[in-house]
C-alpha atoms as a PDB file:
ATOM      1  CA  UNK A   1      87.344  58.859  94.073  1.00  0.00           C
ATOM      2  CA  UNK A   2      84.268  57.761  93.015  1.00  0.00           C
ATOM      3  CA  UNK A   3      83.290  58.243  89.216  1.00  0.00           C
ATOM      4  CA  UNK A   4      79.356  59.320  88.307  1.00  0.00           C
ATOM      5  CA  UNK A   5      77.623  60.236  85.638  1.00  0.00           C
ATOM      6  CA  UNK A   6      75.713  64.003  86.598  1.00  0.00           C
ATOM      7  CA  UNK A   7      74.045  66.735  84.854  1.00  0.00           C
ATOM      8  CA  UNK A   8      75.104  69.967  85.661  1.00  0.00           C
ATOM      9  CA  UNK A   9      74.889  73.505  84.412  1.00  0.00           C
ATOM     10  CA  UNK A  10      77.655  74.691  82.246  1.00  0.00           C
ATOM     11  CA  UNK A  11      77.472  77.909  82.682  1.00  0.00           C
ATOM     12  CA  UNK A  12      77.155  78.389  86.348  1.00  0.00           C
ATOM     13  CA  UNK A  13      79.771  75.787  86.519  1.00  0.00           C
ATOM     14  CA  UNK A  14      82.219  77.412  84.154  1.00  0.00           C
ATOM     15  CA  UNK A  15      81.899  80.779  86.814  1.00  0.00           C
ATOM     16  CA  UNK A  16      81.949  78.599  89.554  1.00  0.00           C
ATOM     17  CA  UNK A  17      85.786  77.242  88.375  1.00  0.00           C
ATOM     18  CA  UNK A  18      86.928  80.391  87.115  1.00  0.00           C
ATOM     19  CA  UNK A  19      85.491  82.562  90.581  1.00  0.00           C
ATOM     20  CA  UNK A  20      87.830  79.351  92.433  1.00  0.00           C
ATOM     21  CA  UNK A  21      90.430  79.154  90.532  1.00  0.00           C
ATOM     22  CA  UNK A  22      90.317  75.588  89.609  1.00  0.00           C
ATOM     23  CA  UNK A  23      92.135  74.114  86.381  1.00  0.00           C
ATOM     24  CA  UNK A  24      89.670  71.402  86.017  1.00  0.00           C
ATOM     25  CA  UNK A  25      85.777  70.567  86.098  1.00  0.00           C
ATOM     26  CA  UNK A  26      86.457  67.941  88.906  1.00  0.00           C
ATOM     27  CA  UNK A  27      88.722  70.218  91.178  1.00  0.00           C
ATOM     28  CA  UNK A  28      86.183  72.873  91.251  1.00  0.00           C
ATOM     29  CA  UNK A  29      82.983  70.264  92.066  1.00  0.00           C
ATOM     30  CA  UNK A  30      85.357  68.733  94.710  1.00  0.00           C
ATOM     31  CA  UNK A  31      86.217  72.577  96.304  1.00  0.00           C
ATOM     32  CA  UNK A  32      82.878  73.287  96.483  1.00  0.00           C
ATOM     33  CA  UNK A  33      81.307  70.297  98.019  1.00  0.00           C
ATOM     34  CA  UNK A  34      84.185  70.876 100.608  1.00  0.00           C
ATOM     35  CA  UNK A  35      82.821  73.958 101.753  1.00  0.00           C
ATOM     36  CA  UNK A  36      79.493  73.723 101.278  1.00  0.00           C
ATOM     37  CA  UNK A  37      79.787  70.789 103.887  1.00  0.00           C
ATOM     38  CA  UNK A  38      82.159  73.356 106.083  1.00  0.00           C
ATOM     39  CA  UNK A  39      79.563  76.145 105.629  1.00  0.00           C
ATOM     40  CA  UNK A  40      77.096  73.565 107.163  1.00  0.00           C
ATOM     41  CA  UNK A  41      79.184  71.913 109.935  1.00  0.00           C
ATOM     42  CA  UNK A  42      80.330  75.443 110.906  1.00  0.00           C
ATOM     43  CA  UNK A  43      76.154  76.364 110.606  1.00  0.00           C
ATOM     44  CA  UNK A  44      75.527  73.301 113.203  1.00  0.00           C
ATOM     45  CA  UNK A  45      78.285  74.242 115.396  1.00  0.00           C
ATOM     46  CA  UNK A  46      76.958  78.313 115.778  1.00  0.00           C
ATOM     47  CA  UNK A  47      73.209  76.943 116.164  1.00  0.00           C
ATOM     48  CA  UNK A  48      74.196  74.471 118.877  1.00  0.00           C
ATOM     49  CA  UNK A  49      76.360  77.379 120.869  1.00  0.00           C
ATOM     50  CA  UNK A  50      72.993  79.361 120.120  1.00  0.00           C
ATOM     51  CA  UNK A  51      70.950  76.744 122.057  1.00  0.00           C
ATOM     52  CA  UNK A  52      72.882  77.532 125.367  1.00  0.00           C
ATOM     53  CA  UNK A  53      70.765  81.149 127.294  1.00  0.00           C
ATOM     54  CA  UNK A  54      74.576  82.173 127.811  1.00  0.00           C
ATOM     55  CA  UNK A  55      77.153  80.088 125.615  1.00  0.00           C
ATOM     56  CA  UNK A  56      79.415  82.963 127.257  1.00  0.00           C
ATOM     57  CA  UNK A  57      82.296  82.521 129.679  1.00  0.00           C
ATOM     58  CA  UNK A  58      81.357  84.585 133.112  1.00  0.00           C
ATOM     59  CA  UNK A  59      82.423  88.486 132.742  1.00  0.00           C
ATOM     60  CA  UNK A  60      82.901  87.928 128.381  1.00  0.00           C
ATOM     61  CA  UNK A  61      80.579  90.070 127.205  1.00  0.00           C
ATOM     62  CA  UNK A  62      80.942  93.143 129.560  1.00  0.00           C
ATOM     63  CA  UNK A  63      84.969  93.023 129.588  1.00  0.00           C
ATOM     64  CA  UNK A  64      84.780  93.336 125.425  1.00  0.00           C
ATOM     65  CA  UNK A  65      81.223  94.426 124.700  1.00  0.00           C
ATOM     66  CA  UNK A  66      80.155  96.543 127.553  1.00  0.00           C
ATOM     67  CA  UNK A  67      77.944  98.348 125.185  1.00  0.00           C
ATOM     68  CA  UNK A  68      75.556  94.988 124.870  1.00  0.00           C
ATOM     69  CA  UNK A  69      76.087  93.877 128.506  1.00  0.00           C
ATOM     70  CA  UNK A  70      74.487  96.790 128.719  1.00  0.00           C
ATOM     71  CA  UNK A  71      71.391  96.541 126.525  1.00  0.00           C
ATOM     72  CA  UNK A  72      71.007  92.584 127.204  1.00  0.00           C
ATOM     73  CA  UNK A  73      70.676  94.068 131.520  1.00  0.00           C
ATOM     74  CA  UNK A  74      68.426  96.950 130.459  1.00  0.00           C
ATOM     75  CA  UNK A  75      66.315  94.244 127.554  1.00  0.00           C
ATOM     76  CA  UNK A  76      66.421  91.379 130.868  1.00  0.00           C
ATOM     77  CA  UNK A  77      64.566  94.393 132.898  1.00  0.00           C
ATOM     78  CA  UNK A  78      61.788  95.139 129.899  1.00  0.00           C
ATOM     79  CA  UNK A  79      61.366  91.684 129.740  1.00  0.00           C
ATOM     80  CA  UNK A  80      60.655  91.821 133.804  1.00  0.00           C
ATOM     81  CA  UNK A  81      57.988  94.523 134.040  1.00  0.00           C
ATOM     82  CA  UNK A  82      56.035  92.873 131.234  1.00  0.00           C
ATOM     83  CA  UNK A  83      53.186  90.775 132.573  1.00  0.00           C
ATOM     84  CA  UNK A  84      53.120  87.042 131.402  1.00  0.00           C
ATOM     85  CA  UNK A  85      49.975  85.794 129.709  1.00  0.00           C
ATOM     86  CA  UNK A  86      49.482  83.181 131.559  1.00  0.00           C
ATOM     87  CA  UNK A  87      49.075  85.696 135.209  1.00  0.00           C
ATOM     88  CA  UNK A  88      45.457  86.453 135.695  1.00  0.00           C
END
């Protein structure tokens, strides 16, 4: 552990300590830092998955959410009907 001097909002720290149920301010701060890191890593992983145009294995959406699969098929059909701006 590294010791350091920081200035914190006392009310926010007390509220966080009560909310998390941690016994000390140090435990509260360490817990919240760990949670922030976990959340950021999760969001980065989700964003990486979202970059893939089809992140699911074949047939997954049709099996697990047929209504979503139908919506996506209809959406693709409609987008193909709209002429692109580059065509003249």
